[in-house]
């Protein structure tokens, strides 16, 4: 069953910039084309809560991507601080007690559990001592997160098909590691499990998080429009 998500919210633009002023310039540049923005560690440390307020006051939604990972009580208190700030999505990265703590304080915000970072591949799994595949670990973590009450997961587009097939439609999949459907190459790309916007949505993602392909483009709006057309075709 298709979710009723406007096309201008399907792309979550990663505001990975070093100042609120630069973030504001991106809001001006993208205008009404993008209505959902990610605030990660860099921008949050540069601008704190006022930068979130600025994005919201312009009629946009915010994904606060701080990947909370701490003792459960600390995570619960952190989510409590955010839940009155208007965040739509809050990311958490942790075990069962951490996820439970986050869910207990969400109050309208949606808790997204990070499964496996898209900068990891099978070789990283071996180094960390895991014997299974990335796909298996993503699936197991997603299944557990949903059972604990999380609203969705962060997953690459490569694992999304299994999540949708086995776990159903009643949760959100937000997919980073999105790259244009062209031959453009991002220098020193640290993302390993990547997909195009079209492929991610076809595979079951609800939202795609896009940063450098838009931010480094000569014509950012053209990239946004192209990706939105990819998403529309996939839908």
C-alpha atoms as a PDB file:
ATOM      1  CA  UNK A   1       0.000   0.000   0.000  1.00  0.00           C
ATOM      2  CA  UNK A   2       1.494   3.337  -1.096  1.00  0.00           C
ATOM      3  CA  UNK A   3       1.928   5.931   1.626  1.00  0.00           C
ATOM      4  CA  UNK A   4       0.558   9.420   1.050  1.00  0.00           C
ATOM      5  CA  UNK A   5       3.893  11.257   1.015  1.00  0.00           C
ATOM      6  CA  UNK A   6       4.163  14.422  -1.131  1.00  0.00           C
ATOM      7  CA  UNK A   7       6.864  14.306  -3.789  1.00  0.00           C
ATOM      8  CA  UNK A   8       8.568  17.408  -2.364  1.00  0.00           C
ATOM      9  CA  UNK A   9       9.062  15.532   0.935  1.00  0.00           C
ATOM     10  CA  UNK A  10      10.410  12.288  -0.520  1.00  0.00           C
ATOM     11  CA  UNK A  11      13.924  13.768  -0.785  1.00  0.00           C
ATOM     12  CA  UNK A  12      15.400  14.687   2.583  1.00  0.00           C
ATOM     13  CA  UNK A  13      18.243  17.085   1.828  1.00  0.00           C
ATOM     14  CA  UNK A  14      21.214  16.600   4.146  1.00  0.00           C
ATOM     15  CA  UNK A  15      22.196  20.029   5.438  1.00  0.00           C
ATOM     16  CA  UNK A  16      25.758  18.917   6.164  1.00  0.00           C
ATOM     17  CA  UNK A  17      27.121  22.449   6.285  1.00  0.00           C
ATOM     18  CA  UNK A  18      29.162  24.327   8.845  1.00  0.00           C
ATOM     19  CA  UNK A  19      26.938  27.274   9.748  1.00  0.00           C
ATOM     20  CA  UNK A  20      23.297  28.338  10.101  1.00  0.00           C
ATOM     21  CA  UNK A  21      23.935  31.026   7.475  1.00  0.00           C
ATOM     22  CA  UNK A  22      24.991  28.416   4.940  1.00  0.00           C
ATOM     23  CA  UNK A  23      21.948  26.316   5.863  1.00  0.00           C
ATOM     24  CA  UNK A  24      19.707  29.331   5.274  1.00  0.00           C
ATOM     25  CA  UNK A  25      21.280  29.880   1.856  1.00  0.00           C
ATOM     26  CA  UNK A  26      20.405  26.299   0.923  1.00  0.00           C
ATOM     27  CA  UNK A  27      16.830  26.787   2.055  1.00  0.00           C
ATOM     28  CA  UNK A  28      16.653  29.843  -0.191  1.00  0.00           C
ATOM     29  CA  UNK A  29      18.279  28.010  -3.094  1.00  0.00           C
ATOM     30  CA  UNK A  30      16.023  24.963  -2.977  1.00  0.00           C
ATOM     31  CA  UNK A  31      12.877  26.935  -2.169  1.00  0.00           C
ATOM     32  CA  UNK A  32       9.664  24.955  -2.537  1.00  0.00           C
ATOM     33  CA  UNK A  33      11.372  22.098  -4.385  1.00  0.00           C
ATOM     34  CA  UNK A  34      12.442  20.396  -1.150  1.00  0.00           C
ATOM     35  CA  UNK A  35      10.387  20.485   2.039  1.00  0.00           C
ATOM     36  CA  UNK A  36      12.296  18.023   4.244  1.00  0.00           C
ATOM     37  CA  UNK A  37      15.792  18.585   5.654  1.00  0.00           C
ATOM     38  CA  UNK A  38      18.255  16.555   7.688  1.00  0.00           C
ATOM     39  CA  UNK A  39      20.171  18.187  10.521  1.00  0.00           C
ATOM     40  CA  UNK A  40      23.157  16.074  11.497  1.00  0.00           C
ATOM     41  CA  UNK A  41      25.971  16.447  13.990  1.00  0.00           C
ATOM     42  CA  UNK A  42      27.891  19.143  12.113  1.00  0.00           C
ATOM     43  CA  UNK A  43      25.039  21.619  11.676  1.00  0.00           C
ATOM     44  CA  UNK A  44      23.471  20.888  15.048  1.00  0.00           C
ATOM     45  CA  UNK A  45      26.741  21.651  16.825  1.00  0.00           C
ATOM     46  CA  UNK A  46      27.126  24.803  14.728  1.00  0.00           C
ATOM     47  CA  UNK A  47      23.601  26.097  15.255  1.00  0.00           C
ATOM     48  CA  UNK A  48      21.867  24.093  17.993  1.00  0.00           C
ATOM     49  CA  UNK A  49      18.095  24.358  18.328  1.00  0.00           C
ATOM     50  CA  UNK A  50      17.734  27.738  16.578  1.00  0.00           C
ATOM     51  CA  UNK A  51      18.780  26.116  13.285  1.00  0.00           C
ATOM     52  CA  UNK A  52      15.979  23.566  13.647  1.00  0.00           C
ATOM     53  CA  UNK A  53      13.546  26.385  14.435  1.00  0.00           C
ATOM     54  CA  UNK A  54      14.701  28.270  11.332  1.00  0.00           C
ATOM     55  CA  UNK A  55      13.965  25.283   9.084  1.00  0.00           C
ATOM     56  CA  UNK A  56      10.571  24.665  10.670  1.00  0.00           C
ATOM     57  CA  UNK A  57       9.590  28.337  10.566  1.00  0.00           C
ATOM     58  CA  UNK A  58       9.937  28.203   6.783  1.00  0.00           C
ATOM     59  CA  UNK A  59       7.309  25.489   6.592  1.00  0.00           C
ATOM     60  CA  UNK A  60       9.655  22.522   6.270  1.00  0.00           C
ATOM     61  CA  UNK A  61      10.061  19.241   8.118  1.00  0.00           C
ATOM     62  CA  UNK A  62      13.211  18.187   9.963  1.00  0.00           C
ATOM     63  CA  UNK A  63      14.961  14.886  10.468  1.00  0.00           C
ATOM     64  CA  UNK A  64      17.277  15.213  13.467  1.00  0.00           C
ATOM     65  CA  UNK A  65      20.020  12.734  12.644  1.00  0.00           C
ATOM     66  CA  UNK A  66      22.147  12.579  15.786  1.00  0.00           C
ATOM     67  CA  UNK A  67      22.090   8.754  16.012  1.00  0.00           C
ATOM     68  CA  UNK A  68      21.634   8.711  19.763  1.00  0.00           C
ATOM     69  CA  UNK A  69      23.775   5.996  21.329  1.00  0.00           C
ATOM     70  CA  UNK A  70      24.212   6.091  25.099  1.00  0.00           C
ATOM     71  CA  UNK A  71      22.798   4.541  28.246  1.00  0.00           C
ATOM     72  CA  UNK A  72      18.995   4.282  27.974  1.00  0.00           C
ATOM     73  CA  UNK A  73      18.239   7.019  30.498  1.00  0.00           C
ATOM     74  CA  UNK A  74      20.449   9.489  28.666  1.00  0.00           C
ATOM     75  CA  UNK A  75      18.843   8.619  25.324  1.00  0.00           C
ATOM     76  CA  UNK A  76      15.362   9.021  26.813  1.00  0.00           C
ATOM     77  CA  UNK A  77      16.265  12.469  28.145  1.00  0.00           C
ATOM     78  CA  UNK A  78      17.780  13.479  24.813  1.00  0.00           C
ATOM     79  CA  UNK A  79      14.633  12.467  22.914  1.00  0.00           C
ATOM     80  CA  UNK A  80      12.574  14.338  25.519  1.00  0.00           C
ATOM     81  CA  UNK A  81      14.523  17.497  24.687  1.00  0.00           C
ATOM     82  CA  UNK A  82      13.785  17.060  20.981  1.00  0.00           C
ATOM     83  CA  UNK A  83      10.157  16.003  21.062  1.00  0.00           C
ATOM     84  CA  UNK A  84       8.902  19.519  21.779  1.00  0.00           C
ATOM     85  CA  UNK A  85      11.096  21.000  19.048  1.00  0.00           C
ATOM     86  CA  UNK A  86       9.018  19.867  16.114  1.00  0.00           C
ATOM     87  CA  UNK A  87      11.282  17.148  14.747  1.00  0.00           C
ATOM     88  CA  UNK A  88       9.478  14.704  12.457  1.00  0.00           C
ATOM     89  CA  UNK A  89      12.192  12.025  12.555  1.00  0.00           C
ATOM     90  CA  UNK A  90      14.786  11.256  15.249  1.00  0.00           C
ATOM     91  CA  UNK A  91      17.487   8.668  14.646  1.00  0.00           C
ATOM     92  CA  UNK A  92      18.708   6.256  17.299  1.00  0.00           C
ATOM     93  CA  UNK A  93      21.535   3.732  17.058  1.00  0.00           C
ATOM     94  CA  UNK A  94      21.585   1.132  19.786  1.00  0.00           C
ATOM     95  CA  UNK A  95      20.418  -2.066  21.446  1.00  0.00           C
ATOM     96  CA  UNK A  96      16.977  -2.995  22.764  1.00  0.00           C
ATOM     97  CA  UNK A  97      17.010  -0.901  25.972  1.00  0.00           C
ATOM     98  CA  UNK A  98      18.250   2.158  24.039  1.00  0.00           C
ATOM     99  CA  UNK A  99      15.512   1.831  21.419  1.00  0.00           C
ATOM    100  CA  UNK A 100      12.850   1.241  24.086  1.00  0.00           C
ATOM    101  CA  UNK A 101      13.976   4.365  25.921  1.00  0.00           C
ATOM    102  CA  UNK A 102      13.743   6.459  22.758  1.00  0.00           C
ATOM    103  CA  UNK A 103      10.287   5.116  21.889  1.00  0.00           C
ATOM    104  CA  UNK A 104       9.021   5.867  25.387  1.00  0.00           C
ATOM    105  CA  UNK A 105       9.696   9.598  24.924  1.00  0.00           C
ATOM    106  CA  UNK A 106       8.831  10.165  21.252  1.00  0.00           C
ATOM    107  CA  UNK A 107       5.488  11.981  21.792  1.00  0.00           C
ATOM    108  CA  UNK A 108       4.617  12.494  18.129  1.00  0.00           C
ATOM    109  CA  UNK A 109       8.098  12.347  16.656  1.00  0.00           C
ATOM    110  CA  UNK A 110       8.961   9.192  14.744  1.00  0.00           C
ATOM    111  CA  UNK A 111      11.889   7.110  15.977  1.00  0.00           C
ATOM    112  CA  UNK A 112      14.045   5.639  13.231  1.00  0.00           C
ATOM    113  CA  UNK A 113      16.491   2.901  14.180  1.00  0.00           C
ATOM    114  CA  UNK A 114      19.810   2.885  12.365  1.00  0.00           C
ATOM    115  CA  UNK A 115      20.477  -0.645  11.112  1.00  0.00           C
ATOM    116  CA  UNK A 116      23.942  -0.676   9.508  1.00  0.00           C
ATOM    117  CA  UNK A 117      25.660   2.500   8.326  1.00  0.00           C
ATOM    118  CA  UNK A 118      25.814   2.774   4.533  1.00  0.00           C
ATOM    119  CA  UNK A 119      29.567   3.377   4.795  1.00  0.00           C
ATOM    120  CA  UNK A 120      29.951  -0.267   5.894  1.00  0.00           C
ATOM    121  CA  UNK A 121      30.310  -3.268   3.610  1.00  0.00           C
ATOM    122  CA  UNK A 122      31.082  -6.964   4.033  1.00  0.00           C
ATOM    123  CA  UNK A 123      34.775  -6.339   4.719  1.00  0.00           C
ATOM    124  CA  UNK A 124      33.860  -4.047   7.616  1.00  0.00           C
ATOM    125  CA  UNK A 125      31.571  -6.755   8.959  1.00  0.00           C
ATOM    126  CA  UNK A 126      34.470  -9.197   9.019  1.00  0.00           C
ATOM    127  CA  UNK A 127      36.686  -6.670  10.825  1.00  0.00           C
ATOM    128  CA  UNK A 128      34.013  -6.210  13.501  1.00  0.00           C
ATOM    129  CA  UNK A 129      33.752  -9.949  14.001  1.00  0.00           C
ATOM    130  CA  UNK A 130      30.364 -10.520  12.344  1.00  0.00           C
ATOM    131  CA  UNK A 131      30.078 -13.760  10.397  1.00  0.00           C
ATOM    132  CA  UNK A 132      26.785 -13.089   8.600  1.00  0.00           C
ATOM    133  CA  UNK A 133      26.031 -10.724   5.735  1.00  0.00           C
ATOM    134  CA  UNK A 134      25.172  -7.043   5.910  1.00  0.00           C
ATOM    135  CA  UNK A 135      21.691  -7.891   4.630  1.00  0.00           C
ATOM    136  CA  UNK A 136      21.136 -10.408   7.417  1.00  0.00           C
ATOM    137  CA  UNK A 137      22.250  -7.957  10.091  1.00  0.00           C
ATOM    138  CA  UNK A 138      20.075  -5.154   8.675  1.00  0.00           C
ATOM    139  CA  UNK A 139      17.088  -7.490   8.614  1.00  0.00           C
ATOM    140  CA  UNK A 140      17.592  -8.745  12.172  1.00  0.00           C
ATOM    141  CA  UNK A 141      18.067  -5.239  13.552  1.00  0.00           C
ATOM    142  CA  UNK A 142      15.063  -3.895  11.656  1.00  0.00           C
ATOM    143  CA  UNK A 143      12.820  -6.735  12.808  1.00  0.00           C
ATOM    144  CA  UNK A 144      13.838  -6.163  16.405  1.00  0.00           C
ATOM    145  CA  UNK A 145      13.457  -2.374  16.179  1.00  0.00           C
ATOM    146  CA  UNK A 146       9.916  -2.670  14.831  1.00  0.00           C
ATOM    147  CA  UNK A 147       8.982  -5.165  17.528  1.00  0.00           C
ATOM    148  CA  UNK A 148      10.172  -2.632  20.112  1.00  0.00           C
ATOM    149  CA  UNK A 149       7.892   0.057  18.696  1.00  0.00           C
ATOM    150  CA  UNK A 150      10.182   2.062  16.426  1.00  0.00           C
ATOM    151  CA  UNK A 151       8.392   3.795  13.556  1.00  0.00           C
ATOM    152  CA  UNK A 152      10.938   2.828  10.942  1.00  0.00           C
ATOM    153  CA  UNK A 153      14.547   2.196  10.084  1.00  0.00           C
ATOM    154  CA  UNK A 154      17.505   3.686   8.281  1.00  0.00           C
ATOM    155  CA  UNK A 155      18.594   1.207   5.644  1.00  0.00           C
ATOM    156  CA  UNK A 156      20.403   1.285   2.336  1.00  0.00           C
ATOM    157  CA  UNK A 157      18.358   0.717  -0.788  1.00  0.00           C
ATOM    158  CA  UNK A 158      20.032  -2.661  -1.229  1.00  0.00           C
ATOM    159  CA  UNK A 159      18.393  -4.223   1.835  1.00  0.00           C
ATOM    160  CA  UNK A 160      15.007  -2.532   1.419  1.00  0.00           C
ATOM    161  CA  UNK A 161      13.410  -5.302  -0.723  1.00  0.00           C
ATOM    162  CA  UNK A 162      13.825  -7.951   1.956  1.00  0.00           C
ATOM    163  CA  UNK A 163      12.593  -5.603   4.672  1.00  0.00           C
ATOM    164  CA  UNK A 164       9.452  -4.797   2.693  1.00  0.00           C
ATOM    165  CA  UNK A 165       8.813  -8.381   1.645  1.00  0.00           C
ATOM    166  CA  UNK A 166       9.305  -9.925   5.072  1.00  0.00           C
ATOM    167  CA  UNK A 167       8.255  -7.139   7.452  1.00  0.00           C
ATOM    168  CA  UNK A 168       5.402  -5.477   5.566  1.00  0.00           C
ATOM    169  CA  UNK A 169       4.416  -1.918   4.698  1.00  0.00           C
ATOM    170  CA  UNK A 170       3.453  -0.491   8.075  1.00  0.00           C
ATOM    171  CA  UNK A 171       6.794   1.102   8.825  1.00  0.00           C
ATOM    172  CA  UNK A 172       9.107   3.669   7.261  1.00  0.00           C
ATOM    173  CA  UNK A 173      12.317   2.996   5.394  1.00  0.00           C
ATOM    174  CA  UNK A 174      14.596   6.011   5.041  1.00  0.00           C
ATOM    175  CA  UNK A 175      17.508   5.422   2.701  1.00  0.00           C
ATOM    176  CA  UNK A 176      20.807   7.324   2.607  1.00  0.00           C
ATOM    177  CA  UNK A 177      23.661   6.600   0.206  1.00  0.00           C
ATOM    178  CA  UNK A 178      21.680   7.920  -2.770  1.00  0.00           C
ATOM    179  CA  UNK A 179      23.594   8.698  -5.928  1.00  0.00           C
ATOM    180  CA  UNK A 180      22.406  10.158  -9.261  1.00  0.00           C
ATOM    181  CA  UNK A 181      21.497   7.811 -12.071  1.00  0.00           C
ATOM    182  CA  UNK A 182      24.399   9.169 -14.146  1.00  0.00           C
ATOM    183  CA  UNK A 183      28.102   8.562 -14.513  1.00  0.00           C
ATOM    184  CA  UNK A 184      28.903  11.384 -12.091  1.00  0.00           C
ATOM    185  CA  UNK A 185      31.434  10.276  -9.478  1.00  0.00           C
ATOM    186  CA  UNK A 186      31.757  11.769  -6.002  1.00  0.00           C
ATOM    187  CA  UNK A 187      35.416  12.125  -5.143  1.00  0.00           C
ATOM    188  CA  UNK A 188      36.499  10.251  -2.002  1.00  0.00           C
ATOM    189  CA  UNK A 189      33.009   8.803  -1.606  1.00  0.00           C
ATOM    190  CA  UNK A 190      32.725   7.099   1.785  1.00  0.00           C
ATOM    191  CA  UNK A 191      29.368   5.509   1.008  1.00  0.00           C
ATOM    192  CA  UNK A 192      29.665   1.871  -0.014  1.00  0.00           C
ATOM    193  CA  UNK A 193      26.097   0.545  -0.177  1.00  0.00           C
ATOM    194  CA  UNK A 194      24.555   2.987  -2.636  1.00  0.00           C
ATOM    195  CA  UNK A 195      21.537   3.165  -4.948  1.00  0.00           C
ATOM    196  CA  UNK A 196      19.778   5.629  -7.207  1.00  0.00           C
ATOM    197  CA  UNK A 197      16.621   7.332  -5.961  1.00  0.00           C
ATOM    198  CA  UNK A 198      14.590   5.311  -8.457  1.00  0.00           C
ATOM    199  CA  UNK A 199      16.060   2.009  -7.314  1.00  0.00           C
ATOM    200  CA  UNK A 200      15.667   2.817  -3.620  1.00  0.00           C
ATOM    201  CA  UNK A 201      11.986   3.712  -3.972  1.00  0.00           C
ATOM    202  CA  UNK A 202      11.305   0.702  -6.214  1.00  0.00           C
ATOM    203  CA  UNK A 203      12.964  -1.460  -3.573  1.00  0.00           C
ATOM    204  CA  UNK A 204      10.614  -0.190  -0.883  1.00  0.00           C
ATOM    205  CA  UNK A 205      12.123   2.997   0.560  1.00  0.00           C
ATOM    206  CA  UNK A 206       9.718   5.785   1.536  1.00  0.00           C
ATOM    207  CA  UNK A 207      12.282   8.589   1.711  1.00  0.00           C
ATOM    208  CA  UNK A 208      15.784   9.110   0.359  1.00  0.00           C
ATOM    209  CA  UNK A 209      18.432  11.196   2.083  1.00  0.00           C
ATOM    210  CA  UNK A 210      20.590  13.106  -0.395  1.00  0.00           C
ATOM    211  CA  UNK A 211      23.516  15.395   0.391  1.00  0.00           C
ATOM    212  CA  UNK A 212      26.598  15.716  -1.785  1.00  0.00           C
ATOM    213  CA  UNK A 213      24.978  14.885  -5.156  1.00  0.00           C
ATOM    214  CA  UNK A 214      22.807  17.986  -4.690  1.00  0.00           C
ATOM    215  CA  UNK A 215      25.231  20.108  -2.694  1.00  0.00           C
ATOM    216  CA  UNK A 216      28.159  19.633  -5.111  1.00  0.00           C
ATOM    217  CA  UNK A 217      26.120  19.984  -8.298  1.00  0.00           C
ATOM    218  CA  UNK A 218      26.505  22.905 -10.678  1.00  0.00           C
ATOM    219  CA  UNK A 219      22.715  23.021 -10.864  1.00  0.00           C
ATOM    220  CA  UNK A 220      21.299  21.638  -7.589  1.00  0.00           C
ATOM    221  CA  UNK A 221      17.689  22.234  -8.604  1.00  0.00           C
ATOM    222  CA  UNK A 222      18.187  20.185 -11.760  1.00  0.00           C
ATOM    223  CA  UNK A 223      19.474  17.278  -9.675  1.00  0.00           C
ATOM    224  CA  UNK A 224      16.484  17.584  -7.321  1.00  0.00           C
ATOM    225  CA  UNK A 225      14.064  17.666 -10.233  1.00  0.00           C
ATOM    226  CA  UNK A 226      15.748  14.673 -11.874  1.00  0.00           C
ATOM    227  CA  UNK A 227      15.626  12.630  -8.681  1.00  0.00           C
ATOM    228  CA  UNK A 228      11.991  13.567  -8.091  1.00  0.00           C
ATOM    229  CA  UNK A 229      11.187  12.376 -11.603  1.00  0.00           C
ATOM    230  CA  UNK A 230      13.015   9.114 -10.817  1.00  0.00           C
ATOM    231  CA  UNK A 231      10.939   8.746  -7.646  1.00  0.00           C
ATOM    232  CA  UNK A 232       7.683   9.531  -9.452  1.00  0.00           C
ATOM    233  CA  UNK A 233       8.453   6.832 -12.030  1.00  0.00           C
ATOM    234  CA  UNK A 234       9.246   4.344  -9.290  1.00  0.00           C
ATOM    235  CA  UNK A 235       5.966   5.074  -7.549  1.00  0.00           C
END
